[in-house]
């Protein structure tokens, strides 16, 4: 036996989207050729590297929002790391702390250099 029921009520309105607070974070802007070594490799500050979902990468500032970029990392020194792929060399990287930073978080940049 099949029973059908009709609903005469209108569905509830969806909840408004949560407004994320804007985070203030230090940033460093990569510049070619200053951040490219003699082999053509891009060097970034080691502290800019984080893990997101277990994968290494950096948060890049795009249109006022943090966007996570996966990286393939080569040599890692005391202060810098060589990026083999994932960056073009003209991005603005967000620096730690990363506690509240998530992909899509609004970020107000403050220059670190």
C-alpha atoms as a PDB file:
ATOM      1  CA  UNK A   1       0.000   0.000   0.000  1.00  0.00           C
ATOM      2  CA  UNK A   2       1.330   3.427  -0.939  1.00  0.00           C
ATOM      3  CA  UNK A   3       0.348   6.471   1.091  1.00  0.00           C
ATOM      4  CA  UNK A   4       0.923   9.992  -0.119  1.00  0.00           C
ATOM      5  CA  UNK A   5       0.780  13.029   2.099  1.00  0.00           C
ATOM      6  CA  UNK A   6       0.602  16.636   1.046  1.00  0.00           C
ATOM      7  CA  UNK A   7       2.187  19.414   2.994  1.00  0.00           C
ATOM      8  CA  UNK A   8       0.393  22.737   2.958  1.00  0.00           C
ATOM      9  CA  UNK A   9       3.014  24.583   4.994  1.00  0.00           C
ATOM     10  CA  UNK A  10       5.686  26.570   3.254  1.00  0.00           C
ATOM     11  CA  UNK A  11       9.218  25.378   3.957  1.00  0.00           C
ATOM     12  CA  UNK A  12      11.253  27.413   6.440  1.00  0.00           C
ATOM     13  CA  UNK A  13      13.598  30.057   5.095  1.00  0.00           C
ATOM     14  CA  UNK A  14      17.245  29.011   4.989  1.00  0.00           C
ATOM     15  CA  UNK A  15      19.469  30.365   7.738  1.00  0.00           C
ATOM     16  CA  UNK A  16      21.590  33.359   6.745  1.00  0.00           C
ATOM     17  CA  UNK A  17      25.196  32.618   5.890  1.00  0.00           C
ATOM     18  CA  UNK A  18      27.569  33.065   8.782  1.00  0.00           C
ATOM     19  CA  UNK A  19      29.757  36.113   8.487  1.00  0.00           C
ATOM     20  CA  UNK A  20      33.375  35.206   9.156  1.00  0.00           C
ATOM     21  CA  UNK A  21      35.451  37.717  11.096  1.00  0.00           C
ATOM     22  CA  UNK A  22      38.259  39.352   9.133  1.00  0.00           C
ATOM     23  CA  UNK A  23      41.644  38.164  10.378  1.00  0.00           C
ATOM     24  CA  UNK A  24      44.673  40.445  10.469  1.00  0.00           C
ATOM     25  CA  UNK A  25      47.773  38.539   9.398  1.00  0.00           C
ATOM     26  CA  UNK A  26      51.305  39.370   8.329  1.00  0.00           C
ATOM     27  CA  UNK A  27      51.984  38.702   4.663  1.00  0.00           C
ATOM     28  CA  UNK A  28      55.012  38.550   2.410  1.00  0.00           C
ATOM     29  CA  UNK A  29      54.755  39.291  -1.301  1.00  0.00           C
ATOM     30  CA  UNK A  30      56.987  37.232  -3.571  1.00  0.00           C
ATOM     31  CA  UNK A  31      58.755  39.218  -6.255  1.00  0.00           C
ATOM     32  CA  UNK A  32      60.542  37.977  -9.327  1.00  0.00           C
ATOM     33  CA  UNK A  33      63.551  37.804  -9.624  1.00  0.00           C
ATOM     34  CA  UNK A  34      64.347  38.604  -5.968  1.00  0.00           C
ATOM     35  CA  UNK A  35      62.689  35.418  -4.657  1.00  0.00           C
ATOM     36  CA  UNK A  36      64.031  33.166  -7.412  1.00  0.00           C
ATOM     37  CA  UNK A  37      67.480  31.610  -6.938  1.00  0.00           C
ATOM     38  CA  UNK A  38      70.142  31.123  -9.614  1.00  0.00           C
ATOM     39  CA  UNK A  39      68.601  27.781 -10.624  1.00  0.00           C
ATOM     40  CA  UNK A  40      65.213  29.391 -11.260  1.00  0.00           C
ATOM     41  CA  UNK A  41      63.645  27.898  -8.112  1.00  0.00           C
ATOM     42  CA  UNK A  42      61.220  29.963  -6.033  1.00  0.00           C
ATOM     43  CA  UNK A  43      62.316  30.459  -2.419  1.00  0.00           C
ATOM     44  CA  UNK A  44      59.746  31.161   0.279  1.00  0.00           C
ATOM     45  CA  UNK A  45      60.012  31.708   4.032  1.00  0.00           C
ATOM     46  CA  UNK A  46      59.961  28.321   5.753  1.00  0.00           C
ATOM     47  CA  UNK A  47      57.481  29.597   8.334  1.00  0.00           C
ATOM     48  CA  UNK A  48      54.902  30.236   5.569  1.00  0.00           C
ATOM     49  CA  UNK A  49      54.563  26.464   5.014  1.00  0.00           C
ATOM     50  CA  UNK A  50      51.733  24.753   6.847  1.00  0.00           C
ATOM     51  CA  UNK A  51      49.705  21.559   6.536  1.00  0.00           C
ATOM     52  CA  UNK A  52      46.049  21.528   5.600  1.00  0.00           C
ATOM     53  CA  UNK A  53      44.330  18.162   5.631  1.00  0.00           C
ATOM     54  CA  UNK A  54      47.774  16.586   6.003  1.00  0.00           C
ATOM     55  CA  UNK A  55      49.117  18.144   2.788  1.00  0.00           C
ATOM     56  CA  UNK A  56      51.966  20.705   2.707  1.00  0.00           C
ATOM     57  CA  UNK A  57      51.176  24.103   1.285  1.00  0.00           C
ATOM     58  CA  UNK A  58      50.765  27.798   1.894  1.00  0.00           C
ATOM     59  CA  UNK A  59      47.885  30.197   2.302  1.00  0.00           C
ATOM     60  CA  UNK A  60      47.881  32.739  -0.537  1.00  0.00           C
ATOM     61  CA  UNK A  61      46.010  36.045  -0.344  1.00  0.00           C
ATOM     62  CA  UNK A  62      43.551  36.293  -3.271  1.00  0.00           C
ATOM     63  CA  UNK A  63      40.999  39.115  -3.413  1.00  0.00           C
ATOM     64  CA  UNK A  64      41.113  39.585   0.370  1.00  0.00           C
ATOM     65  CA  UNK A  65      40.645  35.887   1.173  1.00  0.00           C
ATOM     66  CA  UNK A  66      43.015  33.115   2.211  1.00  0.00           C
ATOM     67  CA  UNK A  67      43.309  30.346  -0.382  1.00  0.00           C
ATOM     68  CA  UNK A  68      45.280  27.173   0.330  1.00  0.00           C
ATOM     69  CA  UNK A  69      47.773  26.097  -2.339  1.00  0.00           C
ATOM     70  CA  UNK A  70      49.325  22.645  -2.342  1.00  0.00           C
ATOM     71  CA  UNK A  71      53.082  22.706  -2.809  1.00  0.00           C
ATOM     72  CA  UNK A  72      55.773  20.325  -3.890  1.00  0.00           C
ATOM     73  CA  UNK A  73      58.713  21.318  -1.717  1.00  0.00           C
ATOM     74  CA  UNK A  74      62.379  20.691  -2.507  1.00  0.00           C
ATOM     75  CA  UNK A  75      65.320  21.727  -0.347  1.00  0.00           C
ATOM     76  CA  UNK A  76      64.447  23.111   3.070  1.00  0.00           C
ATOM     77  CA  UNK A  77      66.950  25.366   4.815  1.00  0.00           C
ATOM     78  CA  UNK A  78      66.941  27.045   8.190  1.00  0.00           C
ATOM     79  CA  UNK A  79      64.907  30.045   6.991  1.00  0.00           C
ATOM     80  CA  UNK A  80      63.755  29.277   3.453  1.00  0.00           C
ATOM     81  CA  UNK A  81      62.356  26.423   1.401  1.00  0.00           C
ATOM     82  CA  UNK A  82      62.504  25.792  -2.329  1.00  0.00           C
ATOM     83  CA  UNK A  83      59.142  25.367  -4.059  1.00  0.00           C
ATOM     84  CA  UNK A  84      59.252  22.935  -6.988  1.00  0.00           C
ATOM     85  CA  UNK A  85      55.609  23.440  -7.970  1.00  0.00           C
ATOM     86  CA  UNK A  86      52.463  25.178  -6.764  1.00  0.00           C
ATOM     87  CA  UNK A  87      53.541  28.834  -6.965  1.00  0.00           C
ATOM     88  CA  UNK A  88      54.423  31.138  -9.849  1.00  0.00           C
ATOM     89  CA  UNK A  89      56.555  33.579  -7.834  1.00  0.00           C
ATOM     90  CA  UNK A  90      54.298  36.644  -7.694  1.00  0.00           C
ATOM     91  CA  UNK A  91      51.863  35.606  -4.957  1.00  0.00           C
ATOM     92  CA  UNK A  92      51.255  37.146  -1.532  1.00  0.00           C
ATOM     93  CA  UNK A  93      51.772  34.533   1.188  1.00  0.00           C
ATOM     94  CA  UNK A  94      50.051  34.649   4.566  1.00  0.00           C
ATOM     95  CA  UNK A  95      52.366  34.084   7.528  1.00  0.00           C
ATOM     96  CA  UNK A  96      51.552  32.394  10.854  1.00  0.00           C
ATOM     97  CA  UNK A  97      49.714  32.105  13.157  1.00  0.00           C
ATOM     98  CA  UNK A  98      47.398  29.819  11.195  1.00  0.00           C
ATOM     99  CA  UNK A  99      45.053  28.819  14.043  1.00  0.00           C
ATOM    100  CA  UNK A 100      41.949  30.573  12.716  1.00  0.00           C
ATOM    101  CA  UNK A 101      42.924  30.678   9.019  1.00  0.00           C
ATOM    102  CA  UNK A 102      40.892  28.446   6.746  1.00  0.00           C
ATOM    103  CA  UNK A 103      40.450  28.284   2.991  1.00  0.00           C
ATOM    104  CA  UNK A 104      38.213  31.262   2.174  1.00  0.00           C
ATOM    105  CA  UNK A 105      38.787  33.191   5.415  1.00  0.00           C
ATOM    106  CA  UNK A 106      38.740  36.973   4.976  1.00  0.00           C
ATOM    107  CA  UNK A 107      42.188  38.396   5.706  1.00  0.00           C
ATOM    108  CA  UNK A 108      43.411  41.959   6.239  1.00  0.00           C
ATOM    109  CA  UNK A 109      47.098  41.965   5.194  1.00  0.00           C
ATOM    110  CA  UNK A 110      49.910  43.639   7.127  1.00  0.00           C
ATOM    111  CA  UNK A 111      53.294  43.694   5.366  1.00  0.00           C
ATOM    112  CA  UNK A 112      56.032  41.711   7.109  1.00  0.00           C
ATOM    113  CA  UNK A 113      58.950  42.958   4.970  1.00  0.00           C
END
